[in-house]
């Protein structure tokens, strides 16, 4: 018997160090960890001890004899991962992660660190600092909104409540001695970055990537053309987007891009609103979706199915929606061009996606609602006068160039009638006032998390982690390894005595009379959960800052 990791896996890797036989891979120290879709348990090595089940923050691990029906495929997915020769000889023991032991001089000032942000990257960085043995440290987190957790609250789809449970360890971090959170506090407005640098030995910027990339096609600015980032924030109740509106009056919506966010949006648009009513979707979004006329969601991919950006677990999520067809052109799934490369590496994740598409999809819709995955297609122009009326797309072919397959336009075009176009082609970091910025990559220039200036020299005491450090890649747990690297650099500087000495001794609390603390967040949390009980929902989200503050202050 063995244990199985299922769809909710967040790659946190808390399960790795507790496994007595090192059967969970890839570990954070293995080269494919940052690119892995999830973690996997080797069924031939698992001793069925269940230690991993106890520490999984999202409840993603099940015994094979107690595997819920909807996760049945993950038994084969876990086994398949270990089918290649290079994955058969993992060491019997995982490398141990040791914390430094600190013996501060008597009377020495404790290390003070400010963290900008409250999402996974920020919380993992705080935990890494606070868990060092013997290190006297004060960690303060600063968040612009009155509520924490970043993309866990505002990015994870509402029907993925198990994934949202990843925030549970973050709350434990905030409860640690030496940790405080200042919600409703915008760095650059309520307090300056310069003031933080005067108050703390180090500042870690973990502000994420809240912008989005443009398509760069004519008509993109028309009403009815939006970023998927906006749409996701709207249905998840982000205060900045609660007043937005989306035209759902046309029968077809088109999403450009085919990553996990694109599939999340497609699932929300195609789902029966009664299904979403059991989640924490924002009330305004639920009401709009109840009146939606959208019956077909087309997801455009520039390349073929073998190069699809979505993960297997998100693909399987599309098939879990009742009465919604998954439609794929069978010719694309069978033609060599659609595959994009020669050979059939039977155990590769990419080929497994194609095999699942062949099995799960249909050539044409048989029910009222459908999601169409359309490959080898690129947007050329958004059509319309005052608002979106269509999207002109061009068919691509895959050609080999410099050892890789790239999409080349064929000149064959068609226009899809639609009233809603959502671009889902990537998040992008925003510039942080007072710090250098790599505009091309949308990140803070850095070396292992140490921020660098325009000349490549270190910016004293300023570090970064998460998407603003490395770009929008990985999943929730990927930020754990990223934060560990950044904190290691910070601690090296602390040990070497090269961190700046704070020039202000006053407590930052006195500068922020309007902030919301942890107790205030607990009041918001309790209120939302209580409101959700009546309708058997996880919570009913507050979406207005004024109302959040009213509840937070009792």
Protein backbone atom coordinates (compact mmCIF):
# COMPACT_ATOMS: atom_id res chain seq x y z
CA UNK A 1 0.00 0.00 0.00
CA UNK A 2 1.09 3.58 -0.64
CA UNK A 3 0.05 7.17 -0.25
CA UNK A 4 -0.93 9.40 -3.15
CA UNK A 5 -0.49 13.14 -3.66
CA UNK A 6 -3.50 14.69 -5.39
CA UNK A 7 -4.63 17.87 -7.13
CA UNK A 8 -4.40 20.30 -4.22
CA UNK A 9 -0.60 19.89 -3.89
CA UNK A 10 0.96 23.32 -3.35
CA UNK A 11 4.64 22.16 -3.53
CA UNK A 12 5.18 23.42 0.01
CA UNK A 13 7.40 20.34 0.57
CA UNK A 14 6.59 20.14 4.29
CA UNK A 15 6.08 16.43 3.62
CA UNK A 16 9.65 15.85 2.40
CA UNK A 17 11.63 16.03 5.67
CA UNK A 18 9.16 13.83 7.61
CA UNK A 19 9.30 10.95 5.12
CA UNK A 20 11.53 8.22 6.62
CA UNK A 21 12.39 6.67 3.24
CA UNK A 22 12.70 9.77 1.04
CA UNK A 23 9.98 8.67 -1.37
CA UNK A 24 8.56 12.15 -2.08
CA UNK A 25 10.07 13.99 -5.04
CA UNK A 26 11.24 16.32 -6.36
CA UNK A 27 12.61 17.72 -3.12
CA UNK A 28 13.51 21.43 -2.92
CA UNK A 29 17.15 20.46 -3.42
CA UNK A 30 16.53 18.56 -6.65
CA UNK A 31 16.91 20.37 -9.98
CA UNK A 32 13.34 19.90 -11.26
CA UNK A 33 11.63 21.18 -8.09
CA UNK A 34 10.97 24.71 -9.37
CA UNK A 35 9.47 23.43 -12.64
CA UNK A 36 7.53 20.44 -11.26
CA UNK A 37 3.75 20.58 -11.56
CA UNK A 38 3.42 19.01 -8.11
CA UNK A 39 5.19 16.60 -5.77
CA UNK A 40 4.91 12.84 -6.21
CA UNK A 41 5.16 9.76 -3.97
CA UNK A 42 7.05 6.73 -5.28
CA UNK A 43 4.66 3.79 -4.73
CA UNK A 44 7.55 1.30 -4.69
CA UNK A 45 9.31 3.09 -1.82
CA UNK A 46 6.39 4.32 0.29
CA UNK A 47 6.06 2.44 3.60
CA UNK A 48 2.54 3.70 4.31
CA UNK A 49 3.56 5.45 7.55
CA UNK A 50 1.25 8.41 6.98
CA UNK A 51 3.69 10.99 8.34
CA UNK A 52 3.23 13.11 5.22
CA UNK A 53 -0.53 13.23 5.69
CA UNK A 54 -0.19 14.91 9.08
CA UNK A 55 1.95 17.80 7.82
CA UNK A 56 0.38 18.52 4.42
CA UNK A 57 -1.08 22.04 4.74
CA UNK A 58 -3.72 21.50 2.04
CA UNK A 59 -4.84 17.92 2.72
CA UNK A 60 -3.60 16.72 -0.66
CA UNK A 61 -2.27 13.31 0.47
CA UNK A 62 -4.46 10.20 0.72
CA UNK A 63 -3.85 6.50 1.27
CA UNK A 64 -4.41 4.51 -1.92
CA UNK A 65 -7.12 2.47 -0.18
CA UNK A 66 -8.95 5.66 0.83
CA UNK A 67 -8.54 7.69 -2.35
CA UNK A 68 -11.65 9.74 -3.25
CA UNK A 69 -13.11 8.82 -6.62
CA UNK A 70 -12.41 12.24 -8.11
CA UNK A 71 -8.70 11.75 -7.44
CA UNK A 72 -8.45 8.19 -8.77
CA UNK A 73 -6.23 9.21 -11.70
CA UNK A 74 -3.55 10.56 -9.38
CA UNK A 75 -2.47 7.05 -8.41
CA UNK A 76 -1.22 6.51 -11.96
CA UNK A 77 0.12 10.07 -12.16
CA UNK A 78 2.29 9.52 -9.07
CA UNK A 79 3.58 6.17 -10.34
CA UNK A 80 4.24 7.49 -13.83
CA UNK A 81 6.51 10.23 -12.57
CA UNK A 82 9.02 7.61 -11.42
CA UNK A 83 8.97 5.60 -14.66
CA UNK A 84 12.02 7.25 -16.21
CA UNK A 85 15.46 5.78 -15.38
CA UNK A 86 16.83 8.98 -13.87
CA UNK A 87 14.06 8.93 -11.25
CA UNK A 88 14.61 5.38 -10.07
CA UNK A 89 17.77 5.98 -8.07
CA UNK A 90 16.92 8.70 -5.60
CA UNK A 91 18.94 8.51 -2.36
CA UNK A 92 17.40 6.69 0.59
CA UNK A 93 17.54 9.84 2.70
CA UNK A 94 16.73 13.42 1.80
CA UNK A 95 19.37 16.08 2.50
CA UNK A 96 18.65 17.62 5.88
CA UNK A 97 17.84 21.31 6.09
CA UNK A 98 19.65 22.72 9.09
CA UNK A 99 19.01 26.06 10.67
CA UNK A 100 21.91 28.14 11.82
CA UNK A 101 22.66 28.30 15.52
CA UNK A 102 23.11 31.82 16.79
CA UNK A 103 24.70 32.93 20.03
CA UNK A 104 24.26 36.71 20.08
CA UNK A 105 26.47 38.78 22.28
CA UNK A 106 24.81 39.77 25.53
CA UNK A 107 23.00 43.05 25.13
CA UNK A 108 23.28 42.96 21.34
CA UNK A 109 20.44 44.56 19.43
CA UNK A 110 18.06 42.00 17.89
CA UNK A 111 17.86 41.75 14.13
CA UNK A 112 14.92 43.80 12.84
CA UNK A 113 13.48 42.98 9.41
CA UNK A 114 10.59 44.61 7.52
CA UNK A 115 8.76 42.49 4.92
CA UNK A 116 6.67 44.27 2.29
CA UNK A 117 3.74 42.00 1.41
CA UNK A 118 1.72 39.30 3.14
CA UNK A 119 1.38 36.61 0.48
CA UNK A 120 3.18 33.24 0.39
CA UNK A 121 6.59 34.72 -0.43
CA UNK A 122 6.38 37.19 2.46
CA UNK A 123 5.12 34.61 4.95
CA UNK A 124 7.72 32.01 4.00
CA UNK A 125 10.46 34.62 4.42
CA UNK A 126 9.12 35.55 7.85
CA UNK A 127 8.95 31.89 8.89
CA UNK A 128 12.49 31.25 7.71
CA UNK A 129 13.77 34.14 9.83
CA UNK A 130 11.72 33.35 12.91
CA UNK A 131 12.64 29.65 12.93
CA UNK A 132 16.41 30.22 13.14
CA UNK A 133 17.77 28.80 16.41
CA UNK A 134 18.90 31.39 18.91
CA UNK A 135 18.46 34.32 16.55
CA UNK A 136 16.79 37.25 18.23
CA UNK A 137 14.66 38.70 15.45
CA UNK A 138 11.71 41.04 15.06
CA UNK A 139 9.84 40.59 11.79
CA UNK A 140 7.16 43.09 10.76
CA UNK A 141 5.02 42.53 7.66
CA UNK A 142 3.37 45.45 5.84
CA UNK A 143 0.30 44.90 3.67
CA UNK A 144 -1.65 47.55 1.75
CA UNK A 145 -5.05 45.87 2.22
CA UNK A 146 -6.80 45.16 5.55
CA UNK A 147 -6.61 41.41 4.75
CA UNK A 148 -3.54 39.21 4.22
CA UNK A 149 -2.43 36.22 2.04
CA UNK A 150 -2.09 37.89 -1.38
CA UNK A 151 -2.82 35.52 -4.26
CA UNK A 152 -3.95 32.73 -1.92
CA UNK A 153 -7.00 34.89 -1.15
CA UNK A 154 -7.28 36.79 -4.43
CA UNK A 155 -5.75 34.44 -7.01
CA UNK A 156 -6.71 30.85 -6.19
CA UNK A 157 -10.01 29.91 -7.83
CA UNK A 158 -13.01 29.84 -5.47
CA UNK A 159 -13.78 26.20 -6.28
CA UNK A 160 -10.29 25.20 -5.11
CA UNK A 161 -10.87 25.60 -1.39
CA UNK A 162 -8.35 22.89 -0.56
CA UNK A 163 -5.59 24.95 -2.19
CA UNK A 164 -6.67 28.04 -0.25
CA UNK A 165 -5.92 26.06 2.92
CA UNK A 166 -2.25 26.77 2.21
CA UNK A 167 -2.71 29.93 4.29
CA UNK A 168 -3.05 27.92 7.53
CA UNK A 169 0.74 27.74 8.15
CA UNK A 170 1.00 31.46 7.41
CA UNK A 171 -1.33 32.25 10.29
CA UNK A 172 0.89 30.15 12.59
CA UNK A 173 3.85 32.25 11.46
CA UNK A 174 2.03 35.48 12.33
CA UNK A 175 1.33 34.10 15.81
CA UNK A 176 5.03 33.53 16.52
CA UNK A 177 6.76 35.63 19.13
CA UNK A 178 8.64 38.41 17.40
CA UNK A 179 6.23 38.67 14.46
CA UNK A 180 3.77 41.49 13.78
CA UNK A 181 1.63 42.43 10.81
CA UNK A 182 0.59 45.94 9.79
CA UNK A 183 -2.43 45.61 7.52
CA UNK A 184 -4.08 48.60 5.83
CA UNK A 185 -0.56 50.00 5.44
CA UNK A 186 0.74 50.97 2.02
CA UNK A 187 4.49 51.36 1.77
CA UNK A 188 5.11 54.53 -0.22
CA UNK A 189 1.94 56.19 1.06
CA UNK A 190 1.36 55.46 4.76
CA UNK A 191 5.05 54.92 5.37
CA UNK A 192 7.98 55.43 3.04
CA UNK A 193 10.57 52.87 2.03
CA UNK A 194 13.20 55.31 3.29
CA UNK A 195 11.60 55.28 6.75
CA UNK A 196 11.58 51.48 6.80
CA UNK A 197 15.27 51.45 5.95
CA UNK A 198 15.86 53.79 8.89
CA UNK A 199 13.83 51.61 11.26
CA UNK A 200 15.13 48.15 10.31
CA UNK A 201 18.40 46.39 9.60
CA UNK A 202 16.90 44.91 6.42
CA UNK A 203 13.85 45.21 4.19
CA UNK A 204 12.55 42.27 2.14
CA UNK A 205 10.33 43.23 -0.79
CA UNK A 206 7.77 40.48 -1.44
CA UNK A 207 5.16 42.51 -3.28
CA UNK A 208 4.49 39.90 -5.97
CA UNK A 209 3.58 40.52 -9.60
CA UNK A 210 0.27 42.36 -9.69
CA UNK A 211 0.47 43.70 -13.24
CA UNK A 212 -0.26 41.87 -16.47
CA UNK A 213 1.18 41.60 -19.96
CA UNK A 214 -0.48 43.04 -23.05
CA UNK A 215 -1.14 41.18 -26.30
CA UNK A 216 0.05 44.07 -28.44
CA UNK A 217 -2.70 43.69 -31.06
CA UNK A 218 -5.08 46.30 -32.51
CA UNK A 219 -8.35 46.74 -30.64
CA UNK A 220 -7.00 45.48 -27.36
CA UNK A 221 -8.21 48.66 -25.64
CA UNK A 222 -11.87 48.13 -26.60
CA UNK A 223 -14.56 47.69 -23.95
CA UNK A 224 -14.99 43.97 -23.36
CA UNK A 225 -11.25 43.31 -23.65
CA UNK A 226 -9.66 42.72 -20.24
CA UNK A 227 -6.80 40.95 -18.56
CA UNK A 228 -7.53 37.65 -16.86
CA UNK A 229 -5.78 39.20 -13.85
CA UNK A 230 -8.65 41.69 -13.50
CA UNK A 231 -11.30 39.01 -13.95
CA UNK A 232 -9.72 36.71 -11.34
CA UNK A 233 -9.42 39.57 -8.85
CA UNK A 234 -13.07 40.53 -9.54
CA UNK A 235 -14.55 37.10 -8.87
CA UNK A 236 -12.27 36.64 -5.85
CA UNK A 237 -13.47 39.86 -4.22
CA UNK A 238 -10.36 42.05 -4.43
CA UNK A 239 -11.42 45.53 -3.25
CA UNK A 240 -9.63 47.22 -6.17
CA UNK A 241 -11.79 45.31 -8.67
CA UNK A 242 -15.11 44.88 -6.87
CA UNK A 243 -16.71 47.67 -8.91
CA UNK A 244 -15.51 46.34 -12.26
CA UNK A 245 -18.03 44.93 -14.72
CA UNK A 246 -17.65 42.33 -17.46
CA UNK A 247 -20.01 41.89 -20.40
CA UNK A 248 -21.30 38.32 -20.19
CA UNK A 249 -24.11 38.85 -22.71
CA UNK A 250 -22.48 37.02 -25.66
CA UNK A 251 -22.61 33.24 -25.95
CA UNK A 252 -18.87 32.93 -26.54
CA UNK A 253 -15.94 34.18 -24.46
CA UNK A 254 -12.34 33.86 -25.64
CA UNK A 255 -9.32 33.49 -23.36
CA UNK A 256 -5.90 34.10 -24.90
CA UNK A 257 -3.31 31.89 -23.22
CA UNK A 258 -3.54 28.38 -21.81
CA UNK A 259 -1.83 28.38 -18.44
CA UNK A 260 -3.50 27.42 -15.17
CA UNK A 261 -5.06 30.86 -14.75
CA UNK A 262 -6.69 30.56 -18.18
CA UNK A 263 -8.19 27.20 -17.21
CA UNK A 264 -9.39 28.61 -13.87
CA UNK A 265 -11.18 31.43 -15.68
CA UNK A 266 -12.66 29.03 -18.24
CA UNK A 267 -13.95 26.80 -15.44
CA UNK A 268 -15.58 29.72 -13.62
CA UNK A 269 -17.21 31.03 -16.80
CA UNK A 270 -18.54 27.60 -17.82
CA UNK A 271 -19.70 26.38 -14.40
CA UNK A 272 -23.30 26.34 -13.27
CA UNK A 273 -23.61 29.28 -10.81
CA UNK A 274 -25.26 26.94 -8.30
CA UNK A 275 -21.97 25.03 -8.15
CA UNK A 276 -20.03 28.24 -7.51
CA UNK A 277 -22.58 29.30 -4.87
CA UNK A 278 -21.02 26.72 -2.53
CA UNK A 279 -17.64 28.48 -2.68
CA UNK A 280 -16.30 31.82 -1.43
CA UNK A 281 -16.72 33.53 -4.80
CA UNK A 282 -17.57 37.21 -4.37
CA UNK A 283 -21.31 37.86 -4.21
CA UNK A 284 -21.21 40.47 -6.97
CA UNK A 285 -19.49 38.00 -9.31
CA UNK A 286 -21.93 35.21 -8.45
CA UNK A 287 -24.87 37.47 -9.22
CA UNK A 288 -23.36 38.49 -12.57
CA UNK A 289 -22.65 34.87 -13.49
CA UNK A 290 -26.25 33.91 -12.70
CA UNK A 291 -27.27 36.20 -15.57
CA UNK A 292 -24.42 35.17 -17.88
CA UNK A 293 -25.27 34.12 -21.44
CA UNK A 294 -21.82 32.57 -21.98
CA UNK A 295 -22.14 28.98 -23.14
CA UNK A 296 -18.82 28.46 -24.93
CA UNK A 297 -15.38 29.37 -23.65
CA UNK A 298 -12.55 29.15 -26.19
CA UNK A 299 -9.03 28.88 -24.77
CA UNK A 300 -6.38 29.84 -27.34
CA UNK A 301 -2.88 28.37 -27.33
CA UNK A 302 -0.16 29.65 -29.65
CA UNK A 303 1.57 26.27 -29.86
CA UNK A 304 0.53 22.62 -29.79
CA UNK A 305 -0.86 20.43 -26.99
CA UNK A 306 2.56 19.02 -26.17
CA UNK A 307 3.70 22.53 -25.23
CA UNK A 308 0.58 23.36 -23.22
CA UNK A 309 1.31 25.60 -20.23
CA UNK A 310 -1.42 24.22 -17.96
CA UNK A 311 -0.70 21.39 -15.54
CA UNK A 312 -2.26 17.94 -15.59
CA UNK A 313 -4.16 18.61 -12.37
CA UNK A 314 -5.76 21.75 -13.85
CA UNK A 315 -6.66 19.87 -17.02
CA UNK A 316 -8.38 17.22 -14.94
CA UNK A 317 -10.23 20.00 -13.14
CA UNK A 318 -12.01 20.89 -16.38
CA UNK A 319 -13.52 17.41 -16.53
CA UNK A 320 -14.92 17.67 -13.00
CA UNK A 321 -17.50 20.32 -13.99
CA UNK A 322 -20.92 18.70 -14.43
CA UNK A 323 -22.61 19.07 -17.83
CA UNK A 324 -19.70 20.85 -19.52
CA UNK A 325 -17.99 19.34 -22.58
CA UNK A 326 -14.25 19.58 -23.15
CA UNK A 327 -13.82 19.98 -26.90
CA UNK A 328 -10.53 19.52 -28.77
CA UNK A 329 -9.96 19.06 -32.50
CA UNK A 330 -8.89 15.38 -32.81
CA UNK A 331 -6.67 16.23 -35.80
CA UNK A 332 -4.47 18.40 -33.59
CA UNK A 333 -4.07 15.55 -31.11
CA UNK A 334 -3.02 13.07 -33.77
CA UNK A 335 -0.88 15.14 -36.14
CA UNK A 336 2.90 15.33 -35.68
CA UNK A 337 2.68 19.10 -36.09
CA UNK A 338 0.32 19.35 -33.15
CA UNK A 339 2.74 17.34 -31.06
CA UNK A 340 5.57 19.62 -31.98
CA UNK A 341 8.45 17.16 -31.69
CA UNK A 342 9.46 13.66 -32.73
CA UNK A 343 9.33 10.60 -30.58
CA UNK A 344 7.06 9.46 -27.78
CA UNK A 345 8.79 9.59 -24.37
CA UNK A 346 6.11 7.49 -22.69
CA UNK A 347 6.67 8.80 -19.19
CA UNK A 348 6.96 12.53 -19.92
CA UNK A 349 4.43 14.86 -18.34
CA UNK A 350 3.86 16.60 -21.67
CA UNK A 351 2.90 13.42 -23.49
CA UNK A 352 0.67 12.43 -20.59
CA UNK A 353 -1.26 15.68 -21.12
CA UNK A 354 -1.82 14.77 -24.76
CA UNK A 355 -2.94 11.26 -23.84
CA UNK A 356 -5.42 12.67 -21.33
CA UNK A 357 -6.75 15.11 -23.91
CA UNK A 358 -7.36 12.24 -26.31
CA UNK A 359 -9.22 10.37 -23.62
CA UNK A 360 -11.18 13.17 -21.99
CA UNK A 361 -12.09 15.47 -24.87
CA UNK A 362 -14.73 15.20 -27.55
CA UNK A 363 -14.56 16.44 -31.16
CA UNK A 364 -17.79 18.41 -30.75
CA UNK A 365 -20.07 19.60 -27.98
CA UNK A 366 -23.01 17.50 -26.83
CA UNK A 367 -24.22 19.63 -23.93
CA UNK A 368 -25.27 23.25 -23.57
CA UNK A 369 -21.97 24.44 -22.09
CA UNK A 370 -18.50 23.70 -23.42
CA UNK A 371 -14.84 24.62 -23.06
CA UNK A 372 -12.92 24.50 -26.35
CA UNK A 373 -9.13 24.12 -26.17
CA UNK A 374 -7.88 25.52 -29.47
CA UNK A 375 -4.21 25.00 -30.24
CA UNK A 376 -1.89 26.51 -32.87
CA UNK A 377 -3.79 29.81 -32.85
CA UNK A 378 -2.65 33.38 -32.19
CA UNK A 379 -4.70 36.58 -31.80
CA UNK A 380 -4.24 39.08 -34.62
CA UNK A 381 -6.80 41.79 -33.78
CA UNK A 382 -9.69 42.47 -31.44
CA UNK A 383 -12.60 43.49 -33.67
CA UNK A 384 -15.28 46.07 -32.93
CA UNK A 385 -16.09 49.77 -33.04
CA UNK A 386 -17.02 50.82 -29.51
CA UNK A 387 -16.69 47.42 -27.90
CA UNK A 388 -15.53 43.88 -28.62
CA UNK A 389 -17.47 42.08 -31.33
CA UNK A 390 -14.94 39.48 -32.35
CA UNK A 391 -11.36 38.24 -32.26
CA UNK A 392 -9.41 37.56 -35.45
CA UNK A 393 -6.99 34.67 -35.01
CA UNK A 394 -4.32 33.19 -37.24
CA UNK A 395 -3.43 29.52 -37.53
CA UNK A 396 0.16 28.60 -36.70
CA UNK A 397 2.45 25.77 -37.59
CA UNK A 398 5.33 24.51 -35.50
CA UNK A 399 8.81 24.69 -36.97
CA UNK A 400 12.17 23.82 -35.48
CA UNK A 401 14.48 26.74 -34.81
CA UNK A 402 17.80 26.58 -32.93
CA UNK A 403 16.90 23.21 -31.44
CA UNK A 404 13.43 24.16 -30.24
CA UNK A 405 9.96 24.29 -31.69
CA UNK A 406 8.42 27.69 -32.33
CA UNK A 407 5.06 28.80 -33.68
CA UNK A 408 5.07 30.34 -37.15
CA UNK A 409 1.98 32.02 -38.66
CA UNK A 410 0.54 30.41 -41.78
CA UNK A 411 -1.52 33.35 -43.03
CA UNK A 412 -4.77 31.40 -42.55
CA UNK A 413 -7.15 33.59 -40.54
CA UNK A 414 -10.67 33.54 -39.16
CA UNK A 415 -12.74 35.74 -36.86
CA UNK A 416 -14.49 34.33 -33.79
CA UNK A 417 -17.62 36.20 -32.76
CA UNK A 418 -17.39 37.15 -29.09
CA UNK A 419 -18.24 39.94 -26.68
CA UNK A 420 -15.53 39.12 -24.13
CA UNK A 421 -11.79 38.69 -24.66
CA UNK A 422 -9.57 37.93 -21.66
CA UNK A 423 -5.81 37.91 -22.06
CA UNK A 424 -4.04 35.40 -19.83
CA UNK A 425 -0.47 35.72 -21.02
CA UNK A 426 1.31 36.24 -17.73
CA UNK A 427 1.56 38.35 -14.60
CA UNK A 428 4.12 41.12 -14.42
CA UNK A 429 5.84 42.83 -11.51
CA UNK A 430 5.38 46.54 -10.87
CA UNK A 431 8.10 49.08 -10.12
CA UNK A 432 8.81 49.74 -6.44
CA UNK A 433 9.37 53.44 -5.78
CA UNK A 434 12.90 54.12 -4.63
CA UNK A 435 14.39 50.87 -5.93
CA UNK A 436 15.98 49.88 -9.26
CA UNK A 437 13.71 47.93 -11.61
CA UNK A 438 14.29 45.59 -14.53
CA UNK A 439 11.50 46.78 -16.83
CA UNK A 440 12.12 44.06 -19.40
CA UNK A 441 11.66 41.20 -16.94
CA UNK A 442 9.34 43.00 -14.54
CA UNK A 443 11.47 42.19 -11.47
CA UNK A 444 13.82 43.84 -9.00
CA UNK A 445 17.38 43.17 -10.21
CA UNK A 446 18.98 40.90 -7.65
CA UNK A 447 21.63 38.32 -6.92
CA UNK A 448 20.09 35.45 -4.97
CA UNK A 449 17.62 37.87 -3.39
CA UNK A 450 20.06 40.72 -2.65
CA UNK A 451 18.78 43.73 -4.59
CA UNK A 452 21.31 45.29 -6.99
CA UNK A 453 21.55 48.85 -8.29
CA UNK A 454 22.00 49.90 -11.94
CA UNK A 455 25.75 49.30 -11.68
CA UNK A 456 25.36 45.80 -10.25
CA UNK A 457 26.35 46.82 -6.73
CA UNK A 458 24.28 45.63 -3.76
CA UNK A 459 21.67 47.97 -2.31
CA UNK A 460 22.56 47.83 1.41
CA UNK A 461 19.95 46.08 3.53
CA UNK A 462 17.41 45.56 0.74
CA UNK A 463 16.38 42.08 -0.36
CA UNK A 464 13.58 40.53 -2.39
CA UNK A 465 11.72 37.24 -2.73
CA UNK A 466 8.82 35.74 -4.68
CA UNK A 467 7.58 36.79 -8.09
CA UNK A 468 9.01 40.31 -7.84
CA UNK A 469 12.38 38.57 -7.41
CA UNK A 470 12.25 35.80 -10.03
CA UNK A 471 9.21 36.53 -12.21
CA UNK A 472 5.78 34.82 -12.17
CA UNK A 473 6.81 31.18 -12.06
CA UNK A 474 6.01 28.19 -9.90
CA UNK A 475 3.17 27.59 -7.48
CA UNK A 476 2.52 28.55 -3.86
CA UNK A 477 5.16 26.28 -2.34
CA UNK A 478 7.83 27.30 -4.84
CA UNK A 479 8.15 30.51 -2.85
CA UNK A 480 9.44 28.54 0.14
CA UNK A 481 12.74 27.65 -1.49
CA UNK A 482 12.94 31.14 -2.99
CA UNK A 483 12.51 32.72 0.47
CA UNK A 484 15.10 30.39 1.98
CA UNK A 485 17.68 31.58 -0.55
CA UNK A 486 16.90 35.23 0.15
CA UNK A 487 16.98 34.84 3.92
CA UNK A 488 20.28 32.97 3.65
CA UNK A 489 21.77 36.00 1.88
CA UNK A 490 20.36 38.31 4.51
CA UNK A 491 21.76 36.23 7.35
CA UNK A 492 25.17 36.09 5.68
CA UNK A 493 25.16 39.87 5.65
CA UNK A 494 24.03 39.98 9.29
CA UNK A 495 26.78 37.58 10.34
CA UNK A 496 29.36 39.61 8.43
CA UNK A 497 28.20 42.83 10.07
CA UNK A 498 27.38 44.40 6.70
CA UNK A 499 23.72 45.23 7.29
CA UNK A 500 23.06 48.93 7.96
CA UNK A 501 22.42 49.92 11.55
CA UNK A 502 18.93 51.41 12.08
CA UNK A 503 19.08 55.13 12.69
CA UNK A 504 15.65 55.36 14.33
CA UNK A 505 14.86 53.66 17.62
CA UNK A 506 11.16 54.52 17.89
CA UNK A 507 8.55 51.81 17.33
CA UNK A 508 7.01 51.97 13.87
CA UNK A 509 3.57 51.45 15.44
CA UNK A 510 3.51 55.10 16.48
CA UNK A 511 3.81 56.12 12.83
CA UNK A 512 0.83 54.03 11.73
CA UNK A 513 -2.24 54.89 13.82
CA UNK A 514 -4.67 53.53 11.20
CA UNK A 515 -3.12 50.10 10.72
CA UNK A 516 -5.00 46.84 11.30
CA UNK A 517 -3.19 44.26 13.40
CA UNK A 518 -3.54 40.48 13.68
CA UNK A 519 -6.49 40.74 16.05
CA UNK A 520 -8.25 42.96 13.54
CA UNK A 521 -7.72 40.36 10.81
CA UNK A 522 -9.10 37.67 13.11
CA UNK A 523 -12.29 39.72 13.49
CA UNK A 524 -12.63 39.97 9.71
CA UNK A 525 -11.98 36.25 9.37
CA UNK A 526 -14.56 35.37 12.05
CA UNK A 527 -17.13 37.67 10.46
CA UNK A 528 -16.70 36.21 6.96
CA UNK A 529 -16.85 32.61 8.17
CA UNK A 530 -19.90 33.35 10.29
CA UNK A 531 -21.69 34.96 7.35
CA UNK A 532 -20.89 31.90 5.22
CA UNK A 533 -22.42 29.38 7.61
CA UNK A 534 -25.99 30.41 6.86
CA UNK A 535 -25.60 29.54 3.18
CA UNK A 536 -23.22 26.60 3.75
CA UNK A 537 -20.29 28.43 2.19
CA UNK A 538 -16.67 28.58 3.43
CA UNK A 539 -17.07 32.33 3.92
CA UNK A 540 -18.76 35.40 2.48
CA UNK A 541 -15.99 37.81 1.62
CA UNK A 542 -15.99 41.45 2.51
CA UNK A 543 -15.02 43.36 -0.63
CA UNK A 544 -15.05 47.00 0.50
CA UNK A 545 -12.12 48.41 2.45
CA UNK A 546 -14.37 50.64 4.57
CA UNK A 547 -16.46 47.66 5.67
CA UNK A 548 -13.32 45.62 6.37
CA UNK A 549 -12.02 48.38 8.62
CA UNK A 550 -15.34 48.67 10.40
CA UNK A 551 -15.34 44.96 11.22
CA UNK A 552 -11.62 44.90 12.09
CA UNK A 553 -12.08 47.65 14.66
CA UNK A 554 -15.14 46.07 16.21
